Amino acid sequence: MVDQSINFESAIRRLFPEARPNIDYIIVADFDGVQEIKYWGYDAPQPSIQELQIAWEEHLDNPPIEPPTPAEELQAVKLQLASVLKINAEKEIELQTLKEQNASILVDNANKAIDLANIKQQNAEILKLLAENNIVGGTI
């Protein structure tokens, strides 16, 4: 009796990765799902049910890694692009914040320079008054 739980196709692909389905071998299944190798033309002995069972169990224990489909690759690229765009937007906001902080610092420095110039002017006027009233020695 054939074990119906074996996937003949996957077992054969594990045993003979170069074998081409429907060219090198043909698998048929009846209405109950019982599979049979109907044609074997591959350049190796046809595998026994025991060999297929072992290959199927190996397949279940360590299934092959399927390459991503083009749609999956595109989705991955879209996610990467979205991530880069998000980081770029965050950096743009950070840059704008730094520009605003820099402008604020420049305004503060300009105001301090004006305050300093006013204080120097006031000091000069005070010194002039002191000198004119002979409170401080020297002439201006």
C-alpha atoms as a PDB file:
ATOM      1  CA  MET A   1       0.000   0.000   0.000  1.00  0.00           C
ATOM      2  CA  VAL A   2       1.344   3.438  -0.966  1.00  0.00           C
ATOM      3  CA  ASP A   3       1.632   5.989   1.828  1.00  0.00           C
ATOM      4  CA  GLN A   4      -0.774   8.753   0.803  1.00  0.00           C
ATOM      5  CA  SER A   5       0.945  11.302   3.045  1.00  0.00           C
ATOM      6  CA  ILE A   6       4.028  11.406   0.822  1.00  0.00           C
ATOM      7  CA  ASN A   7       4.196  14.244  -1.665  1.00  0.00           C
ATOM      8  CA  PHE A   8       5.876  12.432  -4.542  1.00  0.00           C
ATOM      9  CA  GLU A   9       6.747  15.637  -6.367  1.00  0.00           C
ATOM     10  CA  SER A  10       8.608  17.185  -3.408  1.00  0.00           C
ATOM     11  CA  ALA A  11      10.311  13.887  -2.572  1.00  0.00           C
ATOM     12  CA  ILE A  12      11.555  13.433  -6.144  1.00  0.00           C
ATOM     13  CA  ARG A  13      12.756  17.056  -6.287  1.00  0.00           C
ATOM     14  CA  ARG A  14      14.736  16.435  -3.098  1.00  0.00           C
ATOM     15  CA  LEU A  15      16.274  13.236  -4.491  1.00  0.00           C
ATOM     16  CA  PHE A  16      16.797  14.492  -8.044  1.00  0.00           C
ATOM     17  CA  PRO A  17      16.823  18.318  -8.163  1.00  0.00           C
ATOM     18  CA  GLU A  18      17.729  18.326 -11.870  1.00  0.00           C
ATOM     19  CA  ALA A  19      14.854  16.021 -12.891  1.00  0.00           C
ATOM     20  CA  ARG A  20      12.114  17.799 -14.825  1.00  0.00           C
ATOM     21  CA  PRO A  21       8.469  17.013 -14.006  1.00  0.00           C
ATOM     22  CA  ASN A  22       6.359  15.799 -16.943  1.00  0.00           C
ATOM     23  CA  ILE A  23       9.534  15.309 -18.968  1.00  0.00           C
ATOM     24  CA  ASP A  24      11.790  13.036 -16.915  1.00  0.00           C
ATOM     25  CA  TYR A  25       8.940  11.611 -14.844  1.00  0.00           C
ATOM     26  CA  ILE A  26       5.171  11.741 -14.598  1.00  0.00           C
ATOM     27  CA  ILE A  27       3.208  11.379 -11.378  1.00  0.00           C
ATOM     28  CA  VAL A  28      -0.495  10.581 -11.395  1.00  0.00           C
ATOM     29  CA  ALA A  29      -2.983  10.376  -8.566  1.00  0.00           C
ATOM     30  CA  ASP A  30      -6.322   8.619  -8.490  1.00  0.00           C
ATOM     31  CA  PHE A  31      -9.549  10.042  -7.055  1.00  0.00           C
ATOM     32  CA  ASP A  32      -8.512   8.981  -3.555  1.00  0.00           C
ATOM     33  CA  GLY A  33      -5.231  10.912  -3.862  1.00  0.00           C
ATOM     34  CA  VAL A  34      -3.092   7.777  -4.159  1.00  0.00           C
ATOM     35  CA  GLN A  35      -0.006   8.772  -6.134  1.00  0.00           C
ATOM     36  CA  GLU A  36       2.040   6.680  -8.500  1.00  0.00           C
ATOM     37  CA  ILE A  37       5.019   7.289 -10.755  1.00  0.00           C
ATOM     38  CA  LYS A  38       3.453   6.560 -14.119  1.00  0.00           C
ATOM     39  CA  TYR A  39       6.551   7.298 -16.198  1.00  0.00           C
ATOM     40  CA  TRP A  40      10.221   7.374 -15.223  1.00  0.00           C
ATOM     41  CA  GLY A  41      12.693   8.493 -17.875  1.00  0.00           C
ATOM     42  CA  TYR A  42      15.320  10.166 -15.693  1.00  0.00           C
ATOM     43  CA  ASP A  43      18.906   8.887 -15.942  1.00  0.00           C
ATOM     44  CA  ALA A  44      18.866   7.256 -12.492  1.00  0.00           C
ATOM     45  CA  PRO A  45      16.992   4.301 -11.030  1.00  0.00           C
ATOM     46  CA  GLN A  46      13.382   5.029 -10.146  1.00  0.00           C
ATOM     47  CA  PRO A  47      13.145   5.635  -6.373  1.00  0.00           C
ATOM     48  CA  SER A  48      11.359   3.105  -4.196  1.00  0.00           C
ATOM     49  CA  ILE A  49       8.472   4.027  -1.907  1.00  0.00           C
ATOM     50  CA  GLN A  50      10.898   3.775   1.044  1.00  0.00           C
ATOM     51  CA  GLU A  51      13.321   6.208  -0.645  1.00  0.00           C
ATOM     52  CA  LEU A  52      10.454   8.584  -1.396  1.00  0.00           C
ATOM     53  CA  GLN A  53       9.267   8.330   2.229  1.00  0.00           C
ATOM     54  CA  ILE A  54      12.753   9.177   3.561  1.00  0.00           C
ATOM     55  CA  ALA A  55      13.131  12.068   1.100  1.00  0.00           C
ATOM     56  CA  TRP A  56       9.666  13.387   2.045  1.00  0.00           C
ATOM     57  CA  GLU A  57      10.511  13.263   5.764  1.00  0.00           C
ATOM     58  CA  GLU A  58      13.784  15.112   5.061  1.00  0.00           C
ATOM     59  CA  HIS A  59      11.786  17.674   3.110  1.00  0.00           C
ATOM     60  CA  LEU A  60       9.418  18.158   6.053  1.00  0.00           C
ATOM     61  CA  ASP A  61      12.298  18.436   8.532  1.00  0.00           C
ATOM     62  CA  ASN A  62      14.261  20.857   6.367  1.00  0.00           C
ATOM     63  CA  PRO A  63      12.125  22.387   3.611  1.00  0.00           C
ATOM     64  CA  PRO A  64      13.985  24.193   0.828  1.00  0.00           C
ATOM     65  CA  ILE A  65      14.170  27.948   1.018  1.00  0.00           C
ATOM     66  CA  GLU A  66      12.036  29.325  -1.741  1.00  0.00           C
ATOM     67  CA  PRO A  67      13.377  32.471  -3.396  1.00  0.00           C
ATOM     68  CA  PRO A  68      11.096  35.470  -3.030  1.00  0.00           C
ATOM     69  CA  THR A  69       8.647  36.109  -5.808  1.00  0.00           C
ATOM     70  CA  PRO A  70       8.995  39.311  -7.829  1.00  0.00           C
ATOM     71  CA  ALA A  71       5.975  40.681  -5.953  1.00  0.00           C
ATOM     72  CA  GLU A  72       7.640  39.884  -2.609  1.00  0.00           C
ATOM     73  CA  GLU A  73      10.898  41.493  -3.763  1.00  0.00           C
ATOM     74  CA  LEU A  74       8.986  44.577  -4.916  1.00  0.00           C
ATOM     75  CA  GLN A  75       7.187  44.762  -1.559  1.00  0.00           C
ATOM     76  CA  ALA A  76      10.534  44.518   0.264  1.00  0.00           C
ATOM     77  CA  VAL A  77      11.965  47.339  -1.884  1.00  0.00           C
ATOM     78  CA  LYS A  78       8.852  49.444  -1.224  1.00  0.00           C
ATOM     79  CA  LEU A  79       9.254  48.895   2.533  1.00  0.00           C
ATOM     80  CA  GLN A  80      12.932  49.850   2.347  1.00  0.00           C
ATOM     81  CA  LEU A  81      12.074  52.951   0.332  1.00  0.00           C
ATOM     82  CA  ALA A  82       9.368  53.923   2.817  1.00  0.00           C
ATOM     83  CA  SER A  83      11.862  53.502   5.641  1.00  0.00           C
ATOM     84  CA  VAL A  84      14.437  55.667   3.856  1.00  0.00           C
ATOM     85  CA  LEU A  85      11.809  58.312   3.090  1.00  0.00           C
ATOM     86  CA  LYS A  86      10.700  58.336   6.735  1.00  0.00           C
ATOM     87  CA  ILE A  87      14.291  58.742   7.928  1.00  0.00           C
ATOM     88  CA  ASN A  88      14.807  61.482   5.333  1.00  0.00           C
ATOM     89  CA  ALA A  89      11.683  63.313   6.511  1.00  0.00           C
ATOM     90  CA  GLU A  90      12.821  63.025  10.141  1.00  0.00           C
ATOM     91  CA  LYS A  91      16.262  64.403   9.182  1.00  0.00           C
ATOM     92  CA  GLU A  92      14.597  67.220   7.244  1.00  0.00           C
ATOM     93  CA  ILE A  93      12.541  68.144  10.329  1.00  0.00           C
ATOM     94  CA  GLU A  94      15.672  67.953  12.481  1.00  0.00           C
ATOM     95  CA  LEU A  95      17.530  70.201  10.014  1.00  0.00           C
ATOM     96  CA  GLN A  96      14.662  72.708   9.992  1.00  0.00           C
ATOM     97  CA  THR A  97      14.649  72.732  13.814  1.00  0.00           C
ATOM     98  CA  LEU A  98      18.417  73.367  13.851  1.00  0.00           C
ATOM     99  CA  LYS A  99      17.997  76.184  11.314  1.00  0.00           C
ATOM    100  CA  GLU A 100      15.316  77.773  13.502  1.00  0.00           C
ATOM    101  CA  GLN A 101      17.496  77.414  16.599  1.00  0.00           C
ATOM    102  CA  ASN A 102      20.442  78.934  14.710  1.00  0.00           C
ATOM    103  CA  ALA A 103      18.308  81.864  13.554  1.00  0.00           C
ATOM    104  CA  SER A 104      17.149  82.413  17.143  1.00  0.00           C
ATOM    105  CA  ILE A 105      20.762  82.361  18.372  1.00  0.00           C
ATOM    106  CA  LEU A 106      21.748  84.846  15.650  1.00  0.00           C
ATOM    107  CA  VAL A 107      18.911  87.183  16.687  1.00  0.00           C
ATOM    108  CA  ASP A 108      19.942  86.849  20.357  1.00  0.00           C
ATOM    109  CA  ASN A 109      23.562  87.612  19.448  1.00  0.00           C
ATOM    110  CA  ALA A 110      22.506  90.625  17.386  1.00  0.00           C
ATOM    111  CA  ASN A 111      20.386  91.902  20.296  1.00  0.00           C
ATOM    112  CA  LYS A 112      23.318  91.385  22.679  1.00  0.00           C
ATOM    113  CA  ALA A 113      25.626  93.229  20.288  1.00  0.00           C
ATOM    114  CA  ILE A 114      23.140  96.130  20.215  1.00  0.00           C
ATOM    115  CA  ASP A 115      22.885  96.041  24.027  1.00  0.00           C
ATOM    116  CA  LEU A 116      26.689  96.057  24.272  1.00  0.00           C
ATOM    117  CA  ALA A 117      26.947  98.974  21.838  1.00  0.00           C
ATOM    118  CA  ASN A 118      24.344 100.889  23.900  1.00  0.00           C
ATOM    119  CA  ILE A 119      26.264 100.186  27.116  1.00  0.00           C
ATOM    120  CA  LYS A 120      29.509 101.375  25.507  1.00  0.00           C
ATOM    121  CA  GLN A 121      27.736 104.501  24.338  1.00  0.00           C
ATOM    122  CA  GLN A 122      26.345 105.108  27.837  1.00  0.00           C
ATOM    123  CA  ASN A 123      29.790 104.505  29.378  1.00  0.00           C
ATOM    124  CA  ALA A 124      31.327 106.978  26.953  1.00  0.00           C
ATOM    125  CA  GLU A 125      28.703 109.565  27.842  1.00  0.00           C
ATOM    126  CA  ILE A 126      29.274 108.989  31.575  1.00  0.00           C
ATOM    127  CA  LEU A 127      33.039 109.301  31.152  1.00  0.00           C
ATOM    128  CA  LYS A 128      32.567 112.506  29.163  1.00  0.00           C
ATOM    129  CA  LEU A 129      30.350 113.988  31.918  1.00  0.00           C
ATOM    130  CA  LEU A 130      32.852 112.943  34.594  1.00  0.00           C
ATOM    131  CA  ALA A 131      35.697 114.504  32.651  1.00  0.00           C
ATOM    132  CA  GLU A 132      33.772 117.694  31.965  1.00  0.00           C
ATOM    133  CA  ASN A 133      33.031 118.044  35.655  1.00  0.00           C
ATOM    134  CA  ASN A 134      36.634 117.351  36.598  1.00  0.00           C
ATOM    135  CA  ILE A 135      35.662 114.218  38.463  1.00  0.00           C
ATOM    136  CA  VAL A 136      37.978 112.093  36.393  1.00  0.00           C
ATOM    137  CA  GLY A 137      41.402 113.276  35.318  1.00  0.00           C
ATOM    138  CA  GLY A 138      42.265 113.803  31.690  1.00  0.00           C
ATOM    139  CA  THR A 139      40.474 115.282  28.753  1.00  0.00           C
ATOM    140  CA  ILE A 140      38.213 113.801  26.249  1.00  0.00           C
END
